[in-house]
């Protein structure tokens, strides 16, 4: 009896010490470069920046026939996933969720995220929704409502939240901040800055946190300059450019002793984002609170209403 007890104890100890099996991930929307970049980092263990803990095993094409950056890239990225990484391409989302433990919702078109998220949340699969969470604030709130109703954790973020620029500036106390980045527009997205300006806005919220009450958007054909007033009196500003210098990201954090400016980085932050995503899939705890993500979309909504009214201040509606 004692020998059998020791044997059972040894088996239990070995099981506890054994590494957990990789999570099986599915990708929805194969029309963005993120799908190949993420799969390379997750599936290629010889990559020096390999992120362990999960593998992409299935993908659903998706695609938007009226968005150029979708339909012109969908076939190429789908073929790369299938031939280079051996990812199974499935015909629909219900088929995908049956094969995986968690989901990367990567469709480049934010308009389709709500409908694509519905079967994922109904299946109670944890989901990372790449930027933008949605194309409207109403859709963003509905995704959050459905997730809460099903008890399914979700997480959304721009990779710029984990950029060296944002990390360099994040140390508190921050009295105010100014971030900038590219802001090209896509005509089908009602919240114009959700398409690409979301990156610079995410950087701003990384520094400022939640609590914005009103937004003023001064817009020209070349840029949007959005100024937010936080309830504690702090001011956060973001500039999204569409002209010269529009590919540059950066920021300034104002502290009691200095104006701390970011330094250029090499832009290698997909891996840092994926580390957070895999940890989220394992724990169910989003590294960015859902409430903050929703406020970002309330901020974008207020910026759009301010722009539409000719630059008058707009309240951040929750």
Protein backbone atom coordinates (compact mmCIF):
# COMPACT_ATOMS: atom_id res chain seq x y z
CA UNK A 1 0.00 0.00 0.00
CA UNK A 2 2.84 2.36 0.90
CA UNK A 3 4.61 1.66 -2.42
CA UNK A 4 1.39 2.32 -4.36
CA UNK A 5 0.87 5.58 -2.46
CA UNK A 6 4.40 6.72 -3.26
CA UNK A 7 3.90 5.79 -6.91
CA UNK A 8 0.69 7.82 -7.13
CA UNK A 9 2.45 10.74 -5.42
CA UNK A 10 5.31 10.53 -7.92
CA UNK A 11 2.88 10.54 -10.85
CA UNK A 12 1.11 13.59 -9.44
CA UNK A 13 4.43 15.39 -8.93
CA UNK A 14 5.55 14.61 -12.49
CA UNK A 15 2.22 15.83 -13.86
CA UNK A 16 2.54 19.05 -11.91
CA UNK A 17 6.10 19.57 -13.15
CA UNK A 18 5.29 18.81 -16.79
CA UNK A 19 4.90 21.86 -19.00
CA UNK A 20 1.36 22.69 -20.03
CA UNK A 21 0.43 21.82 -23.58
CA UNK A 22 0.38 24.70 -26.02
CA UNK A 23 -2.98 26.36 -26.43
CA UNK A 24 -4.58 25.83 -29.82
CA UNK A 25 -5.47 29.18 -31.38
CA UNK A 26 -7.74 30.09 -34.27
CA UNK A 27 -7.53 33.27 -36.33
CA UNK A 28 -10.62 35.02 -37.71
CA UNK A 29 -9.87 37.36 -40.62
CA UNK A 30 -6.79 36.59 -42.70
CA UNK A 31 -6.62 40.02 -44.37
CA UNK A 32 -3.95 41.76 -42.27
CA UNK A 33 -0.20 41.36 -41.96
CA UNK A 34 -0.73 40.69 -38.26
CA UNK A 35 -1.88 37.13 -39.03
CA UNK A 36 1.43 36.11 -40.60
CA UNK A 37 3.54 38.12 -38.15
CA UNK A 38 1.76 36.66 -35.13
CA UNK A 39 1.81 33.10 -36.50
CA UNK A 40 5.54 33.34 -37.17
CA UNK A 41 6.21 34.40 -33.58
CA UNK A 42 3.91 31.74 -32.12
CA UNK A 43 4.54 28.74 -34.39
CA UNK A 44 8.23 29.06 -35.27
CA UNK A 45 10.18 27.96 -32.20
CA UNK A 46 13.49 28.74 -33.95
CA UNK A 47 12.60 32.43 -34.27
CA UNK A 48 14.73 34.33 -31.72
CA UNK A 49 11.61 36.29 -30.73
CA UNK A 50 9.43 33.18 -30.42
CA UNK A 51 6.53 33.55 -27.98
CA UNK A 52 5.81 30.19 -26.31
CA UNK A 53 2.57 28.82 -24.95
CA UNK A 54 0.30 28.66 -27.99
CA UNK A 55 0.14 27.70 -31.65
CA UNK A 56 -2.12 28.85 -34.48
CA UNK A 57 -3.86 25.76 -35.84
CA UNK A 58 -6.92 27.06 -37.71
CA UNK A 59 -7.99 30.12 -39.66
CA UNK A 60 -11.16 31.57 -41.17
CA UNK A 61 -10.60 33.82 -44.20
CA UNK A 62 -13.20 36.53 -43.63
CA UNK A 63 -12.44 39.60 -45.73
CA UNK A 64 -14.27 42.75 -46.82
CA UNK A 65 -14.84 43.25 -50.56
CA UNK A 66 -15.21 47.04 -50.19
CA UNK A 67 -12.00 47.66 -48.22
CA UNK A 68 -8.94 47.74 -50.45
CA UNK A 69 -6.45 46.77 -47.77
CA UNK A 70 -8.60 43.68 -47.13
CA UNK A 71 -9.42 42.25 -50.56
CA UNK A 72 -5.98 42.94 -52.02
CA UNK A 73 -4.17 40.98 -49.29
CA UNK A 74 -6.58 38.25 -48.23
CA UNK A 75 -5.45 35.56 -50.69
CA UNK A 76 -1.74 36.16 -50.05
CA UNK A 77 -1.95 35.91 -46.27
CA UNK A 78 -4.30 32.91 -46.43
CA UNK A 79 -1.88 31.04 -48.68
CA UNK A 80 1.07 31.84 -46.40
CA UNK A 81 -0.73 30.50 -43.34
CA UNK A 82 -1.74 27.33 -45.17
CA UNK A 83 1.51 26.49 -46.97
CA UNK A 84 4.22 27.89 -44.69
CA UNK A 85 2.68 27.20 -41.29
CA UNK A 86 0.28 24.32 -41.98
CA UNK A 87 -2.73 26.19 -40.61
CA UNK A 88 -6.07 24.56 -41.45
CA UNK A 89 -8.42 26.94 -43.30
CA UNK A 90 -12.00 26.34 -42.20
CA UNK A 91 -15.23 27.40 -43.93
CA UNK A 92 -16.86 29.33 -41.10
CA UNK A 93 -16.45 30.59 -37.53
CA UNK A 94 -18.54 27.84 -35.85
CA UNK A 95 -16.19 25.27 -37.38
CA UNK A 96 -13.18 27.23 -36.14
CA UNK A 97 -14.26 27.54 -32.51
CA UNK A 98 -14.74 23.76 -32.29
CA UNK A 99 -11.05 23.23 -33.07
CA UNK A 100 -9.40 25.79 -30.77
CA UNK A 101 -8.96 26.87 -27.17
CA UNK A 102 -8.96 30.62 -27.85
CA UNK A 103 -9.34 33.07 -30.73
CA UNK A 104 -7.41 35.92 -32.32
CA UNK A 105 -10.00 38.10 -34.10
CA UNK A 106 -7.79 39.86 -36.65
CA UNK A 107 -10.13 41.15 -39.39
CA UNK A 108 -8.75 44.48 -40.58
CA UNK A 109 -12.30 45.86 -40.96
CA UNK A 110 -13.70 46.89 -37.58
CA UNK A 111 -17.26 46.88 -38.95
CA UNK A 112 -17.37 43.08 -38.99
CA UNK A 113 -16.00 42.50 -35.50
CA UNK A 114 -19.34 42.42 -33.69
CA UNK A 115 -20.87 39.77 -35.96
CA UNK A 116 -17.66 37.73 -35.98
CA UNK A 117 -17.36 37.91 -32.20
CA UNK A 118 -20.91 36.62 -31.58
CA UNK A 119 -20.25 32.91 -32.28
CA UNK A 120 -16.94 33.11 -30.41
CA UNK A 121 -18.58 34.52 -27.30
CA UNK A 122 -21.49 32.08 -27.60
CA UNK A 123 -18.91 29.25 -27.57
CA UNK A 124 -17.27 30.86 -24.49
CA UNK A 125 -13.86 31.03 -26.14
CA UNK A 126 -11.51 33.70 -24.79
CA UNK A 127 -10.84 36.22 -27.53
CA UNK A 128 -8.29 38.88 -28.37
CA UNK A 129 -9.85 41.44 -30.72
CA UNK A 130 -7.20 43.33 -32.64
CA UNK A 131 -7.52 47.02 -33.31
CA UNK A 132 -9.98 48.46 -33.84
CA UNK A 133 -12.33 46.74 -31.39
CA UNK A 134 -15.17 47.99 -33.59
CA UNK A 135 -16.00 50.77 -36.03
CA UNK A 136 -18.59 52.40 -33.74
CA UNK A 137 -18.95 52.96 -30.02
CA UNK A 138 -22.34 51.19 -30.12
CA UNK A 139 -20.75 48.04 -31.55
CA UNK A 140 -17.94 48.19 -28.96
CA UNK A 141 -20.49 48.35 -26.13
CA UNK A 142 -22.48 45.46 -27.63
CA UNK A 143 -19.37 43.25 -27.79
CA UNK A 144 -18.74 44.02 -24.11
CA UNK A 145 -22.38 43.29 -23.23
CA UNK A 146 -22.41 39.93 -25.01
CA UNK A 147 -19.10 38.95 -23.43
CA UNK A 148 -20.40 39.77 -19.96
CA UNK A 149 -23.64 37.89 -20.59
CA UNK A 150 -21.76 34.76 -21.66
CA UNK A 151 -19.07 35.10 -18.98
CA UNK A 152 -16.32 35.17 -21.61
CA UNK A 153 -13.15 37.22 -21.04
CA UNK A 154 -12.04 39.49 -23.88
CA UNK A 155 -9.17 41.85 -24.51
CA UNK A 156 -8.36 44.44 -27.17
CA UNK A 157 -5.30 46.60 -27.65
CA UNK A 158 -3.02 48.28 -30.13
CA UNK A 159 0.53 46.95 -30.09
CA UNK A 160 1.67 50.58 -29.62
CA UNK A 161 0.60 50.30 -25.97
CA UNK A 162 3.67 48.08 -25.53
CA UNK A 163 6.02 50.18 -27.67
CA UNK A 164 9.24 51.56 -26.24
CA UNK A 165 7.82 55.07 -26.65
CA UNK A 166 4.88 54.33 -24.37
CA UNK A 167 6.93 52.33 -21.86
CA UNK A 168 9.60 55.06 -21.66
CA UNK A 169 7.00 57.66 -20.70
CA UNK A 170 4.70 55.68 -18.44
CA UNK A 171 6.30 56.26 -15.03
CA UNK A 172 3.99 58.39 -12.83
CA UNK A 173 3.10 60.96 -11.81
CA UNK A 174 1.91 62.22 -15.20
CA UNK A 175 0.24 65.62 -15.20
CA UNK A 176 -0.59 65.54 -18.89
CA UNK A 177 0.51 63.94 -22.15
CA UNK A 178 0.80 64.55 -25.89
CA UNK A 179 1.06 61.65 -28.34
CA UNK A 180 1.19 61.53 -32.11
CA UNK A 181 1.11 59.11 -35.00
CA UNK A 182 -0.35 58.43 -38.45
CA UNK A 183 -4.07 58.89 -38.96
CA UNK A 184 -5.05 57.79 -42.49
CA UNK A 185 -8.78 57.38 -42.96
CA UNK A 186 -10.93 54.53 -44.31
CA UNK A 187 -14.25 55.81 -45.66
CA UNK A 188 -16.41 52.98 -44.29
CA UNK A 189 -15.47 53.47 -40.62
CA UNK A 190 -17.86 55.87 -38.88
CA UNK A 191 -15.35 56.66 -36.15
CA UNK A 192 -12.62 57.88 -38.45
CA UNK A 193 -9.79 57.68 -35.92
CA UNK A 194 -10.67 54.07 -35.07
CA UNK A 195 -9.10 52.97 -38.36
CA UNK A 196 -5.50 54.00 -37.66
CA UNK A 197 -5.54 56.89 -35.22
CA UNK A 198 -6.41 54.28 -32.58
CA UNK A 199 -2.66 53.61 -32.18
CA UNK A 200 -1.81 57.12 -30.98
CA UNK A 201 -4.98 57.25 -28.86
CA UNK A 202 -4.00 53.97 -27.17
CA UNK A 203 -0.60 55.49 -26.40
CA UNK A 204 -2.34 58.50 -24.84
CA UNK A 205 -4.50 56.28 -22.62
CA UNK A 206 -1.48 54.19 -21.66
CA UNK A 207 -0.08 57.38 -20.12
CA UNK A 208 -3.22 59.14 -18.89
CA UNK A 209 -5.50 56.29 -17.81
CA UNK A 210 -9.27 56.70 -17.71
CA UNK A 211 -11.35 59.70 -16.68
CA UNK A 212 -11.68 61.88 -19.79
CA UNK A 213 -14.82 64.03 -19.68
CA UNK A 214 -14.77 66.17 -22.83
CA UNK A 215 -13.02 66.23 -26.20
CA UNK A 216 -12.35 68.92 -28.79
CA UNK A 217 -11.22 67.91 -32.28
CA UNK A 218 -9.64 70.51 -34.55
CA UNK A 219 -9.50 68.82 -37.96
CA UNK A 220 -7.97 69.70 -41.33
CA UNK A 221 -7.41 67.53 -44.42
CA UNK A 222 -3.87 66.85 -43.15
CA UNK A 223 -4.46 66.06 -39.47
CA UNK A 224 -6.75 65.80 -36.46
CA UNK A 225 -5.67 67.47 -33.23
CA UNK A 226 -7.77 66.04 -30.41
CA UNK A 227 -7.63 67.56 -26.92
CA UNK A 228 -9.22 65.75 -23.99
CA UNK A 229 -9.95 67.18 -20.55
CA UNK A 230 -9.81 64.66 -17.71
CA UNK A 231 -12.06 64.97 -14.65
CA UNK A 232 -9.04 65.69 -12.42
CA UNK A 233 -8.10 68.70 -14.58
CA UNK A 234 -5.34 67.02 -16.60
CA UNK A 235 -5.18 67.56 -20.36
CA UNK A 236 -4.25 64.87 -22.89
CA UNK A 237 -3.65 65.65 -26.56
CA UNK A 238 -3.23 63.41 -29.60
CA UNK A 239 -2.29 64.41 -33.16
CA UNK A 240 -3.13 62.03 -36.00
CA UNK A 241 -1.44 63.11 -39.23
CA UNK A 242 -2.22 62.31 -42.84
CA UNK A 243 0.53 64.39 -44.44
CA UNK A 244 4.30 64.69 -44.12
CA UNK A 245 5.69 62.78 -41.16
CA UNK A 246 2.50 60.75 -40.75
CA UNK A 247 4.39 57.46 -40.25
CA UNK A 248 6.13 58.67 -37.08
CA UNK A 249 4.94 57.73 -33.57
CA UNK A 250 5.98 59.50 -30.39
CA UNK A 251 4.91 61.24 -27.25
CA UNK A 252 5.65 63.60 -24.39
CA UNK A 253 4.67 63.04 -20.76
CA UNK A 254 4.49 66.08 -18.51
CA UNK A 255 5.59 65.45 -14.91
CA UNK A 256 6.11 67.80 -11.94
CA UNK A 257 9.79 68.16 -12.88
CA UNK A 258 10.12 67.69 -16.64
CA UNK A 259 8.59 67.21 -20.05
CA UNK A 260 9.75 63.67 -20.79
CA UNK A 261 9.93 62.91 -24.55
CA UNK A 262 10.04 59.45 -26.07
CA UNK A 263 13.00 58.22 -28.08
CA UNK A 264 12.64 56.38 -31.42
CA UNK A 265 12.47 52.60 -31.20
CA UNK A 266 12.82 49.73 -33.65
CA UNK A 267 9.11 48.98 -33.72
CA UNK A 268 9.49 45.34 -32.57
CA UNK A 269 6.51 45.20 -30.22
CA UNK A 270 4.32 42.48 -31.73
CA UNK A 271 6.12 39.99 -29.49
CA UNK A 272 5.47 42.09 -26.40
CA UNK A 273 1.77 42.25 -27.26
CA UNK A 274 1.61 38.50 -27.88
CA UNK A 275 3.18 37.76 -24.49
CA UNK A 276 0.27 39.67 -22.94
CA UNK A 277 -2.27 37.94 -25.19
CA UNK A 278 -1.06 34.42 -24.32
CA UNK A 279 -1.01 35.23 -20.61
CA UNK A 280 -4.56 36.53 -20.97
CA UNK A 281 -5.65 33.32 -22.71
CA UNK A 282 -4.12 31.32 -19.86
CA UNK A 283 -5.55 33.36 -16.97
CA UNK A 284 -8.66 35.05 -18.33
CA UNK A 285 -7.48 38.38 -16.88
CA UNK A 286 -7.19 41.15 -19.53
CA UNK A 287 -4.04 43.25 -19.12
CA UNK A 288 -6.02 46.30 -20.25
CA UNK A 289 -9.29 46.60 -18.32
CA UNK A 290 -12.35 46.33 -20.55
CA UNK A 291 -13.60 49.59 -19.03
CA UNK A 292 -10.53 51.41 -20.34
CA UNK A 293 -10.97 49.97 -23.83
CA UNK A 294 -14.60 51.10 -23.86
CA UNK A 295 -13.62 54.59 -22.70
CA UNK A 296 -11.14 54.79 -25.57
CA UNK A 297 -14.06 54.22 -27.92
CA UNK A 298 -16.14 56.79 -26.06
CA UNK A 299 -13.20 59.18 -26.59
CA UNK A 300 -13.13 58.36 -30.32
CA UNK A 301 -16.89 58.86 -30.50
CA UNK A 302 -16.63 62.27 -28.84
CA UNK A 303 -13.78 63.23 -31.18
CA UNK A 304 -15.96 62.34 -34.16
CA UNK A 305 -18.93 64.32 -32.84
CA UNK A 306 -16.66 67.29 -32.20
CA UNK A 307 -15.27 67.12 -35.73
CA UNK A 308 -18.75 66.78 -37.24
CA UNK A 309 -19.88 69.91 -35.38
CA UNK A 310 -16.97 72.01 -36.60
CA UNK A 311 -14.71 71.59 -33.58
CA UNK A 312 -17.04 72.35 -30.66
CA UNK A 313 -16.33 70.40 -27.45
CA UNK A 314 -18.17 67.08 -27.08
CA UNK A 315 -18.90 65.19 -23.86
CA UNK A 316 -17.48 61.68 -23.45
CA UNK A 317 -20.63 59.60 -23.13
CA UNK A 318 -20.56 56.38 -21.13
